PDB file of all heavy atoms in Angstrom:
ATOM      1  N   ARG A   1     126.433 124.149 106.448  1.00  0.00           N
ATOM      2  CA  ARG A   1     125.615 122.977 106.154  1.00  0.00           C
ATOM      3  C   ARG A   1     124.975 122.418 107.425  1.00  0.00           C
ATOM      4  O   ARG A   1     123.796 122.042 107.433  1.00  0.00           O
ATOM      5  CB  ARG A   1     126.476 121.921 105.463  1.00  0.00           C
ATOM      6  CG  ARG A   1     125.717 120.774 104.854  1.00  0.00           C
ATOM      7  CD  ARG A   1     126.629 119.966 103.947  1.00  0.00           C
ATOM      8  NE  ARG A   1     126.931 120.664 102.710  1.00  0.00           N
ATOM      9  CZ  ARG A   1     128.088 120.542 102.047  1.00  0.00           C
ATOM     10  NH1 ARG A   1     129.055 119.780 102.517  1.00  0.00           N
ATOM     11  NH2 ARG A   1     128.271 121.197 100.918  1.00  0.00           N
ATOM     12  N   GLU A   2     125.740 122.383 108.503  1.00  0.00           N
ATOM     13  CA  GLU A   2     125.199 121.874 109.763  1.00  0.00           C
ATOM     14  C   GLU A   2     124.083 122.773 110.286  1.00  0.00           C
ATOM     15  O   GLU A   2     123.098 122.297 110.873  1.00  0.00           O
ATOM     16  CB  GLU A   2     126.320 121.771 110.810  1.00  0.00           C
ATOM     17  CG  GLU A   2     127.312 120.633 110.573  1.00  0.00           C
ATOM     18  CD  GLU A   2     128.165 120.859 109.331  1.00  0.00           C
ATOM     19  OE1 GLU A   2     128.417 122.042 108.987  1.00  0.00           O
ATOM     20  OE2 GLU A   2     128.569 119.854 108.706  1.00  0.00           O
ATOM     21  N   ARG A   3     124.214 124.054 110.067  1.00  0.00           N
ATOM     22  CA  ARG A   3     123.181 124.989 110.511  1.00  0.00           C
ATOM     23  C   ARG A   3     121.908 124.827 109.680  1.00  0.00           C
ATOM     24  O   ARG A   3     120.798 124.895 110.221  1.00  0.00           O
ATOM     25  CB  ARG A   3     123.703 126.420 110.425  1.00  0.00           C
ATOM     26  CG  ARG A   3     124.776 126.739 111.469  1.00  0.00           C
ATOM     27  CD  ARG A   3     125.476 128.051 111.139  1.00  0.00           C
ATOM     28  NE  ARG A   3     126.357 128.490 112.214  1.00  0.00           N
ATOM     29  CZ  ARG A   3     127.587 128.034 112.396  1.00  0.00           C
ATOM     30  NH1 ARG A   3     128.071 127.088 111.593  1.00  0.00           N
ATOM     31  NH2 ARG A   3     128.330 128.489 113.395  1.00  0.00           N
ATOM     32  N   LEU A   4     122.069 124.630 108.371  1.00  0.00           N
ATOM     33  CA  LEU A   4     120.908 124.481 107.498  1.00  0.00           C
ATOM     34  C   LEU A   4     120.101 123.232 107.829  1.00  0.00           C
ATOM     35  O   LEU A   4     118.878 123.204 107.649  1.00  0.00           O
ATOM     36  CB  LEU A   4     121.342 124.450 106.032  1.00  0.00           C
ATOM     37  CG  LEU A   4     121.982 125.730 105.481  1.00  0.00           C
ATOM     38  CD1 LEU A   4     122.296 125.570 104.007  1.00  0.00           C
ATOM     39  CD2 LEU A   4     121.074 126.939 105.702  1.00  0.00           C
ATOM     40  N   LYS A   5     120.770 122.188 108.312  1.00  0.00           N
ATOM     41  CA  LYS A   5     120.074 120.951 108.664  1.00  0.00           C
ATOM     42  C   LYS A   5     119.046 121.173 109.773  1.00  0.00           C
ATOM     43  O   LYS A   5     118.072 120.436 109.890  1.00  0.00           O
ATOM     44  CB  LYS A   5     121.083 119.889 109.113  1.00  0.00           C
ATOM     45  CG  LYS A   5     121.954 119.333 107.998  1.00  0.00           C
ATOM     46  CD  LYS A   5     122.955 118.323 108.565  1.00  0.00           C
ATOM     47  CE  LYS A   5     123.866 117.785 107.477  1.00  0.00           C
ATOM     48  NZ  LYS A   5     124.886 116.848 108.034  1.00  0.00           N
ATOM     49  N   LYS A   6     119.260 122.207 110.582  1.00  0.00           N
ATOM     50  CA  LYS A   6     118.377 122.476 111.717  1.00  0.00           C
ATOM     51  C   LYS A   6     117.194 123.371 111.345  1.00  0.00           C
ATOM     52  O   LYS A   6     116.297 123.580 112.163  1.00  0.00           O
ATOM     53  CB  LYS A   6     119.172 123.149 112.838  1.00  0.00           C
ATOM     54  CG  LYS A   6     120.338 122.319 113.351  1.00  0.00           C
ATOM     55  CD  LYS A   6     121.128 123.106 114.387  1.00  0.00           C
ATOM     56  CE  LYS A   6     122.352 122.316 114.866  1.00  0.00           C
ATOM     57  NZ  LYS A   6     123.150 123.097 115.843  1.00  0.00           N
ATOM     58  N   MET A   7     117.197 123.895 110.119  1.00  0.00           N
ATOM     59  CA  MET A   7     116.154 124.843 109.718  1.00  0.00           C
ATOM     60  C   MET A   7     114.843 124.114 109.436  1.00  0.00           C
ATOM     61  O   MET A   7     114.818 122.983 108.942  1.00  0.00           O
ATOM     62  CB  MET A   7     116.595 125.628 108.487  1.00  0.00           C
ATOM     63  CG  MET A   7     117.938 126.336 108.632  1.00  0.00           C
ATOM     64  SD  MET A   7     117.923 127.672 109.838  1.00  0.00           S
ATOM     65  CE  MET A   7     117.120 128.949 108.894  1.00  0.00           C
ATOM     66  N   ARG A   8     113.732 124.796 109.742  1.00  0.00           N
ATOM     67  CA  ARG A   8     112.403 124.258 109.490  1.00  0.00           C
ATOM     68  C   ARG A   8     111.654 125.142 108.490  1.00  0.00           C
ATOM     69  O   ARG A   8     112.135 126.180 108.055  1.00  0.00           O
ATOM     70  CB  ARG A   8     111.619 124.141 110.810  1.00  0.00           C
ATOM     71  CG  ARG A   8     112.266 123.176 111.799  1.00  0.00           C
ATOM     72  CD  ARG A   8     112.256 121.741 111.258  1.00  0.00           C
ATOM     73  NE  ARG A   8     112.890 120.807 112.170  1.00  0.00           N
ATOM     74  CZ  ARG A   8     114.157 120.401 112.066  1.00  0.00           C
ATOM     75  NH1 ARG A   8     114.912 120.866 111.073  1.00  0.00           N
ATOM     76  NH2 ARG A   8     114.653 119.535 112.929  1.00  0.00           N
ATOM     77  N   GLU A   9     110.418 124.764 108.169  1.00  0.00           N
ATOM     78  CA  GLU A   9     109.658 125.367 107.067  1.00  0.00           C
ATOM     79  C   GLU A   9     109.555 126.891 107.154  1.00  0.00           C
ATOM     80  O   GLU A   9     109.705 127.582 106.171  1.00  0.00           O
ATOM     81  CB  GLU A   9     108.250 124.759 107.032  1.00  0.00           C
ATOM     82  CG  GLU A   9     107.413 125.216 105.845  1.00  0.00           C
ATOM     83  CD  GLU A   9     107.863 124.597 104.533  1.00  0.00           C
ATOM     84  OE1 GLU A   9     108.397 123.473 104.554  1.00  0.00           O
ATOM     85  OE2 GLU A   9     107.672 125.253 103.490  1.00  0.00           O
ATOM     86  N   GLU A  10     109.287 127.428 108.339  1.00  0.00           N
ATOM     87  CA  GLU A  10     109.102 128.872 108.471  1.00  0.00           C
ATOM     88  C   GLU A  10     110.344 129.588 108.991  1.00  0.00           C
ATOM     89  O   GLU A  10     110.300 130.794 109.255  1.00  0.00           O
ATOM     90  CB  GLU A  10     107.892 129.188 109.368  1.00  0.00           C
ATOM     91  CG  GLU A  10     106.563 128.837 108.715  1.00  0.00           C
ATOM     92  CD  GLU A  10     105.370 129.405 109.478  1.00  0.00           C
ATOM     93  OE1 GLU A  10     105.565 130.274 110.360  1.00  0.00           O
ATOM     94  OE2 GLU A  10     104.241 128.970 109.206  1.00  0.00           O
ATOM     95  N   ASP A  11     111.441 128.881 109.155  1.00  0.00           N
ATOM     96  CA  ASP A  11     112.700 129.539 109.513  1.00  0.00           C
ATOM     97  C   ASP A  11     113.240 130.294 108.296  1.00  0.00           C
ATOM     98  O   ASP A  11     112.798 130.060 107.157  1.00  0.00           O
ATOM     99  CB  ASP A  11     113.721 128.514 110.016  1.00  0.00           C
ATOM    100  CG  ASP A  11     113.324 127.921 111.365  1.00  0.00           C
ATOM    101  OD1 ASP A  11     112.528 128.566 112.079  1.00  0.00           O
ATOM    102  OD2 ASP A  11     113.799 126.821 111.690  1.00  0.00           O
ATOM    103  N   ILE A  12     114.194 131.178 108.534  1.00  0.00           N
ATOM    104  CA  ILE A  12     114.620 132.113 107.482  1.00  0.00           C
ATOM    105  C   ILE A  12     116.137 132.114 107.320  1.00  0.00           C
ATOM    106  O   ILE A  12     116.882 132.165 108.307  1.00  0.00           O
ATOM    107  CB  ILE A  12     114.167 133.552 107.825  1.00  0.00           C
ATOM    108  CG1 ILE A  12     112.651 133.615 108.002  1.00  0.00           C
ATOM    109  CG2 ILE A  12     114.636 134.545 106.766  1.00  0.00           C
ATOM    110  CD1 ILE A  12     112.195 134.902 108.684  1.00  0.00           C
ATOM    111  N   VAL A  13     116.565 132.104 106.069  1.00  0.00           N
ATOM    112  CA  VAL A  13     117.954 132.414 105.729  1.00  0.00           C
ATOM    113  C   VAL A  13     117.930 133.723 104.948  1.00  0.00           C
ATOM    114  O   VAL A  13     117.330 133.801 103.871  1.00  0.00           O
ATOM    115  CB  VAL A  13     118.615 131.304 104.896  1.00  0.00           C
ATOM    116  CG1 VAL A  13     120.005 131.758 104.420  1.00  0.00           C
ATOM    117  CG2 VAL A  13     118.741 130.026 105.716  1.00  0.00           C
ATOM    118  N   PHE A  14     118.540 134.731 105.518  1.00  0.00           N
ATOM    119  CA  PHE A  14     118.611 136.044 104.868  1.00  0.00           C
ATOM    120  C   PHE A  14     120.035 136.257 104.379  1.00  0.00           C
ATOM    121  O   PHE A  14     120.978 136.335 105.175  1.00  0.00           O
ATOM    122  CB  PHE A  14     118.209 137.147 105.854  1.00  0.00           C
ATOM    123  CG  PHE A  14     118.162 138.517 105.230  1.00  0.00           C
ATOM    124  CD1 PHE A  14     117.121 138.873 104.387  1.00  0.00           C
ATOM    125  CD2 PHE A  14     119.158 139.443 105.475  1.00  0.00           C
ATOM    126  CE1 PHE A  14     117.069 140.130 103.803  1.00  0.00           C
ATOM    127  CE2 PHE A  14     119.117 140.700 104.910  1.00  0.00           C
ATOM    128  CZ  PHE A  14     118.073 141.047 104.060  1.00  0.00           C
ATOM    129  N   SER A  15     120.196 136.327 103.059  1.00  0.00           N
ATOM    130  CA  SER A  15     121.524 136.438 102.444  1.00  0.00           C
ATOM    131  C   SER A  15     121.755 137.871 101.990  1.00  0.00           C
ATOM    132  O   SER A  15     120.996 138.403 101.177  1.00  0.00           O
ATOM    133  CB  SER A  15     121.631 135.485 101.245  1.00  0.00           C
ATOM    134  OG  SER A  15     122.840 135.698 100.556  1.00  0.00           O
ATOM    135  N   ASP A  16     122.802 138.483 102.520  1.00  0.00           N
ATOM    136  CA  ASP A  16     123.081 139.877 102.191  1.00  0.00           C
ATOM    137  C   ASP A  16     123.335 140.069 100.704  1.00  0.00           C
ATOM    138  O   ASP A  16     122.987 141.099 100.141  1.00  0.00           O
ATOM    139  CB  ASP A  16     124.294 140.360 102.991  1.00  0.00           C
ATOM    140  CG  ASP A  16     124.325 141.860 103.105  1.00  0.00           C
ATOM    141  OD1 ASP A  16     124.651 142.524 102.094  1.00  0.00           O
ATOM    142  OD2 ASP A  16     124.031 142.393 104.194  1.00  0.00           O
ATOM    143  N   TRP A  17     123.970 139.096 100.069  1.00  0.00           N
ATOM    144  CA  TRP A  17     124.196 139.138  98.624  1.00  0.00           C
ATOM    145  C   TRP A  17     123.233 138.165  97.946  1.00  0.00           C
ATOM    146  O   TRP A  17     123.218 136.968  98.263  1.00  0.00           O
ATOM    147  CB  TRP A  17     125.632 138.747  98.286  1.00  0.00           C
ATOM    148  CG  TRP A  17     126.626 139.823  98.599  1.00  0.00           C
ATOM    149  CD1 TRP A  17     126.425 140.959  99.319  1.00  0.00           C
ATOM    150  CD2 TRP A  17     128.003 139.840  98.197  1.00  0.00           C
ATOM    151  NE1 TRP A  17     127.575 141.690  99.392  1.00  0.00           N
ATOM    152  CE2 TRP A  17     128.557 141.043  98.720  1.00  0.00           C
ATOM    153  CE3 TRP A  17     128.806 138.977  97.468  1.00  0.00           C
ATOM    154  CZ2 TRP A  17     129.895 141.389  98.513  1.00  0.00           C
ATOM    155  CZ3 TRP A  17     130.137 139.322  97.265  1.00  0.00           C
ATOM    156  CH2 TRP A  17     130.669 140.520  97.779  1.00  0.00           C
ATOM    157  N   ALA A  18     122.436 138.673  97.014  1.00  0.00           N
ATOM    158  CA  ALA A  18     121.504 137.818  96.286  1.00  0.00           C
ATOM    159  C   ALA A  18     122.238 136.746  95.487  1.00  0.00           C
ATOM    160  O   ALA A  18     121.679 135.683  95.194  1.00  0.00           O
ATOM    161  CB  ALA A  18     120.646 138.666  95.350  1.00  0.00           C
ATOM    162  N   LEU A  19     123.513 136.998  95.156  1.00  0.00           N
ATOM    163  CA  LEU A  19     124.307 136.014  94.419  1.00  0.00           C
ATOM    164  C   LEU A  19     124.467 134.703  95.177  1.00  0.00           C
ATOM    165  O   LEU A  19     124.715 133.665  94.580  1.00  0.00           O
ATOM    166  CB  LEU A  19     125.705 136.587  94.120  1.00  0.00           C
ATOM    167  CG  LEU A  19     125.799 137.703  93.083  1.00  0.00           C
ATOM    168  CD1 LEU A  19     127.157 138.368  93.141  1.00  0.00           C
ATOM    169  CD2 LEU A  19     125.560 137.141  91.692  1.00  0.00           C
ATOM    170  N   TRP A  20     124.318 134.761  96.504  1.00  0.00           N
ATOM    171  CA  TRP A  20     124.490 133.556  97.302  1.00  0.00           C
ATOM    172  C   TRP A  20     123.225 132.716  97.381  1.00  0.00           C
ATOM    173  O   TRP A  20     123.284 131.539  97.747  1.00  0.00           O
ATOM    174  CB  TRP A  20     124.918 133.936  98.721  1.00  0.00           C
ATOM    175  CG  TRP A  20     126.307 134.491  98.800  1.00  0.00           C
ATOM    176  CD1 TRP A  20     127.328 134.259  97.929  1.00  0.00           C
ATOM    177  CD2 TRP A  20     126.820 135.380  99.797  1.00  0.00           C
ATOM    178  NE1 TRP A  20     128.451 134.951  98.317  1.00  0.00           N
ATOM    179  CE2 TRP A  20     128.169 135.649  99.462  1.00  0.00           C
ATOM    180  CE3 TRP A  20     126.274 135.978 100.923  1.00  0.00           C
ATOM    181  CZ2 TRP A  20     128.977 136.485 100.226  1.00  0.00           C
ATOM    182  CZ3 TRP A  20     127.080 136.805 101.697  1.00  0.00           C
ATOM    183  CH2 TRP A  20     128.415 137.062 101.348  1.00  0.00           C
ATOM    184  N   LEU A  21     122.069 133.282  97.064  1.00  0.00           N
ATOM    185  CA  LEU A  21     120.817 132.540  97.234  1.00  0.00           C
ATOM    186  C   LEU A  21     120.757 131.240  96.433  1.00  0.00           C
ATOM    187  O   LEU A  21     120.269 130.224  96.954  1.00  0.00           O
ATOM    188  CB  LEU A  21     119.622 133.424  96.887  1.00  0.00           C
ATOM    189  CG  LEU A  21     119.203 134.451  97.935  1.00  0.00           C
ATOM    190  CD1 LEU A  21     117.893 135.096  97.546  1.00  0.00           C
ATOM    191  CD2 LEU A  21     119.075 133.815  99.313  1.00  0.00           C
ATOM    192  N   PRO A  22     121.192 131.216  95.164  1.00  0.00           N
ATOM    193  CA  PRO A  22     121.158 129.927  94.448  1.00  0.00           C
ATOM    194  C   PRO A  22     121.983 128.842  95.127  1.00  0.00           C
ATOM    195  O   PRO A  22     121.604 127.666  95.117  1.00  0.00           O
ATOM    196  CB  PRO A  22     121.727 130.280  93.068  1.00  0.00           C
ATOM    197  CG  PRO A  22     121.426 131.737  92.897  1.00  0.00           C
ATOM    198  CD  PRO A  22     121.599 132.325  94.269  1.00  0.00           C
ATOM    199  N   TYR A  23     123.101 129.230  95.754  1.00  0.00           N
ATOM    200  CA  TYR A  23     123.915 128.253  96.475  1.00  0.00           C
ATOM    201  C   TYR A  23     123.168 127.735  97.701  1.00  0.00           C
ATOM    202  O   TYR A  23     123.212 126.544  98.018  1.00  0.00           O
ATOM    203  CB  TYR A  23     125.240 128.890  96.916  1.00  0.00           C
ATOM    204  CG  TYR A  23     126.150 129.291  95.783  1.00  0.00           C
ATOM    205  CD1 TYR A  23     126.115 130.578  95.258  1.00  0.00           C
ATOM    206  CD2 TYR A  23     127.061 128.381  95.251  1.00  0.00           C
ATOM    207  CE1 TYR A  23     126.953 130.952  94.234  1.00  0.00           C
ATOM    208  CE2 TYR A  23     127.906 128.749  94.221  1.00  0.00           C
ATOM    209  CZ  TYR A  23     127.848 130.032  93.711  1.00  0.00           C
ATOM    210  OH  TYR A  23     128.686 130.398  92.683  1.00  0.00           O
ATOM    211  N   VAL A  24     122.480 128.647  98.399  1.00  0.00           N
ATOM    212  CA  VAL A  24     121.687 128.231  99.558  1.00  0.00           C
ATOM    213  C   VAL A  24     120.588 127.273  99.113  1.00  0.00           C
ATOM    214  O   VAL A  24     120.322 126.253  99.751  1.00  0.00           O
ATOM    215  CB  VAL A  24     121.070 129.455 100.263  1.00  0.00           C
ATOM    216  CG1 VAL A  24     120.178 129.005 101.417  1.00  0.00           C
ATOM    217  CG2 VAL A  24     122.166 130.384 100.787  1.00  0.00           C
ATOM    218  N   LYS A  25     119.943 127.596  97.997  1.00  0.00           N
ATOM    219  CA  LYS A  25     118.876 126.740  97.482  1.00  0.00           C
ATOM    220  C   LYS A  25     119.405 125.348  97.140  1.00  0.00           C
ATOM    221  O   LYS A  25     118.768 124.328  97.444  1.00  0.00           O
ATOM    222  CB  LYS A  25     118.252 127.368  96.233  1.00  0.00           C
ATOM    223  CG  LYS A  25     117.045 126.603  95.699  1.00  0.00           C
ATOM    224  CD  LYS A  25     116.771 126.925  94.242  1.00  0.00           C
ATOM    225  CE  LYS A  25     117.865 126.352  93.356  1.00  0.00           C
ATOM    226  NZ  LYS A  25     117.523 126.410  91.922  1.00  0.00           N
ATOM    227  N   ASP A  26     120.590 125.302  96.530  1.00  0.00           N
ATOM    228  CA  ASP A  26     121.185 124.004  96.183  1.00  0.00           C
ATOM    229  C   ASP A  26     121.459 123.189  97.441  1.00  0.00           C
ATOM    230  O   ASP A  26     121.231 121.965  97.469  1.00  0.00           O
ATOM    231  CB  ASP A  26     122.483 124.217  95.403  1.00  0.00           C
ATOM    232  CG  ASP A  26     122.248 124.769  94.003  1.00  0.00           C
ATOM    233  OD1 ASP A  26     121.081 124.718  93.540  1.00  0.00           O
ATOM    234  OD2 ASP A  26     123.212 125.255  93.384  1.00  0.00           O
ATOM    235  N   GLU A  27     121.969 123.824  98.483  1.00  0.00           N
ATOM    236  CA  GLU A  27     122.235 123.118  99.739  1.00  0.00           C
ATOM    237  C   GLU A  27     120.924 122.639 100.370  1.00  0.00           C
ATOM    238  O   GLU A  27     120.850 121.549 100.933  1.00  0.00           O
ATOM    239  CB  GLU A  27     122.984 124.035 100.712  1.00  0.00           C
ATOM    240  CG  GLU A  27     124.429 124.298 100.332  1.00  0.00           C
ATOM    241  CD  GLU A  27     125.263 123.035 100.335  1.00  0.00           C
ATOM    242  OE1 GLU A  27     125.024 122.149 101.189  1.00  0.00           O
ATOM    243  OE2 GLU A  27     126.158 122.921  99.471  1.00  0.00           O
ATOM    244  N   MET A  28     119.896 123.469 100.270  1.00  0.00           N
ATOM    245  CA  MET A  28     118.587 123.111 100.793  1.00  0.00           C
ATOM    246  C   MET A  28     118.094 121.810 100.154  1.00  0.00           C
ATOM    247  O   MET A  28     117.627 120.882 100.842  1.00  0.00           O
ATOM    248  CB  MET A  28     117.603 124.251 100.507  1.00  0.00           C
ATOM    249  CG  MET A  28     116.197 124.014 101.017  1.00  0.00           C
ATOM    250  SD  MET A  28     115.026 125.245 100.351  1.00  0.00           S
ATOM    251  CE  MET A  28     115.801 126.790 100.776  1.00  0.00           C
ATOM    252  N   GLU A  29     118.205 121.724  98.844  1.00  0.00           N
ATOM    253  CA  GLU A  29     117.739 120.538  98.117  1.00  0.00           C
ATOM    254  C   GLU A  29     118.625 119.333  98.416  1.00  0.00           C
ATOM    255  O   GLU A  29     118.145 118.196  98.535  1.00  0.00           O
ATOM    256  CB  GLU A  29     117.708 120.845  96.626  1.00  0.00           C
ATOM    257  CG  GLU A  29     116.662 121.899  96.256  1.00  0.00           C
ATOM    258  CD  GLU A  29     116.734 122.312  94.803  1.00  0.00           C
ATOM    259  OE1 GLU A  29     117.728 121.924  94.132  1.00  0.00           O
ATOM    260  OE2 GLU A  29     115.825 123.025  94.334  1.00  0.00           O
ATOM    261  N   ARG A  30     119.918 119.579  98.538  1.00  0.00           N
ATOM    262  CA  ARG A  30     120.850 118.478  98.818  1.00  0.00           C
ATOM    263  C   ARG A  30     120.573 117.867 100.192  1.00  0.00           C
ATOM    264  O   ARG A  30     120.682 116.647 100.378  1.00  0.00           O
ATOM    265  CB  ARG A  30     122.288 119.003  98.751  1.00  0.00           C
ATOM    266  CG  ARG A  30     123.354 117.905  98.923  1.00  0.00           C
ATOM    267  CD  ARG A  30     124.762 118.474  98.824  1.00  0.00           C
ATOM    268  NE  ARG A  30     125.027 118.959  97.473  1.00  0.00           N
ATOM    269  CZ  ARG A  30     125.173 120.243  97.133  1.00  0.00           C
ATOM    270  NH1 ARG A  30     125.063 121.187  98.055  1.00  0.00           N
ATOM    271  NH2 ARG A  30     125.437 120.597  95.889  1.00  0.00           N
ATOM    272  N   LEU A  31     120.205 118.711 101.150  1.00  0.00           N
ATOM    273  CA  LEU A  31     119.974 118.249 102.518  1.00  0.00           C
ATOM    274  C   LEU A  31     118.537 117.781 102.743  1.00  0.00           C
ATOM    275  O   LEU A  31     118.233 117.194 103.790  1.00  0.00           O
ATOM    276  CB  LEU A  31     120.303 119.370 103.500  1.00  0.00           C
ATOM    277  CG  LEU A  31     121.766 119.838 103.526  1.00  0.00           C
ATOM    278  CD1 LEU A  31     121.910 121.087 104.385  1.00  0.00           C
ATOM    279  CD2 LEU A  31     122.683 118.725 104.022  1.00  0.00           C
ATOM    280  N   GLY A  32     117.639 118.094 101.808  1.00  0.00           N
ATOM    281  CA  GLY A  32     116.244 117.695 101.948  1.00  0.00           C
ATOM    282  C   GLY A  32     115.494 118.489 102.993  1.00  0.00           C
ATOM    283  O   GLY A  32     114.586 117.959 103.653  1.00  0.00           O
ATOM    284  N   VAL A  33     115.867 119.769 103.163  1.00  0.00           N
ATOM    285  CA  VAL A  33     115.180 120.627 104.125  1.00  0.00           C
ATOM    286  C   VAL A  33     114.490 121.763 103.367  1.00  0.00           C
ATOM    287  O   VAL A  33     114.721 121.960 102.171  1.00  0.00           O
ATOM    288  CB  VAL A  33     116.172 121.201 105.165  1.00  0.00           C
ATOM    289  CG1 VAL A  33     116.742 120.082 106.015  1.00  0.00           C
ATOM    290  CG2 VAL A  33     117.290 121.992 104.476  1.00  0.00           C
ATOM    291  N   SER A  34     113.664 122.511 104.080  1.00  0.00           N
ATOM    292  CA  SER A  34     112.952 123.613 103.442  1.00  0.00           C
ATOM    293  C   SER A  34     112.838 124.777 104.419  1.00  0.00           C
ATOM    294  O   SER A  34     112.594 124.566 105.619  1.00  0.00           O
ATOM    295  CB  SER A  34     111.561 123.166 102.995  1.00  0.00           C
ATOM    296  OG  SER A  34     110.878 124.226 102.360  1.00  0.00           O
ATOM    297  N   PHE A  35     113.034 125.990 103.937  1.00  0.00           N
ATOM    298  CA  PHE A  35     112.904 127.191 104.769  1.00  0.00           C
ATOM    299  C   PHE A  35     112.696 128.392 103.850  1.00  0.00           C
ATOM    300  O   PHE A  35     112.681 128.266 102.626  1.00  0.00           O
ATOM    301  CB  PHE A  35     114.138 127.387 105.662  1.00  0.00           C
ATOM    302  CG  PHE A  35     115.446 127.130 104.958  1.00  0.00           C
ATOM    303  CD1 PHE A  35     116.021 128.098 104.131  1.00  0.00           C
ATOM    304  CD2 PHE A  35     116.118 125.920 105.113  1.00  0.00           C
ATOM    305  CE1 PHE A  35     117.217 127.863 103.490  1.00  0.00           C
ATOM    306  CE2 PHE A  35     117.328 125.678 104.470  1.00  0.00           C
ATOM    307  CZ  PHE A  35     117.870 126.655 103.656  1.00  0.00           C
ATOM    308  N   ARG A  36     112.523 129.549 104.437  1.00  0.00           N
ATOM    309  CA  ARG A  36     112.262 130.769 103.670  1.00  0.00           C
ATOM    310  C   ARG A  36     113.567 131.499 103.357  1.00  0.00           C
ATOM    311  O   ARG A  36     114.519 131.443 104.141  1.00  0.00           O
ATOM    312  CB  ARG A  36     111.294 131.661 104.435  1.00  0.00           C
ATOM    313  CG  ARG A  36     109.930 131.003 104.594  1.00  0.00           C
ATOM    314  CD  ARG A  36     108.974 131.823 105.430  1.00  0.00           C
ATOM    315  NE  ARG A  36     107.646 131.210 105.426  1.00  0.00           N
ATOM    316  CZ  ARG A  36     106.582 131.723 106.010  1.00  0.00           C
ATOM    317  NH1 ARG A  36     106.675 132.874 106.678  1.00  0.00           N
ATOM    318  NH2 ARG A  36     105.415 131.110 105.949  1.00  0.00           N
TER     319      ARG A  36
END
């Protein structure tokens, strides 16, 4: 969560398992940040 807070619009989170992407998206919305 602390790492995601530092992400910006064109920064990237690459998840090896696609199953984790919805969780990343939920954290993104909870923190009010945006990235690729």
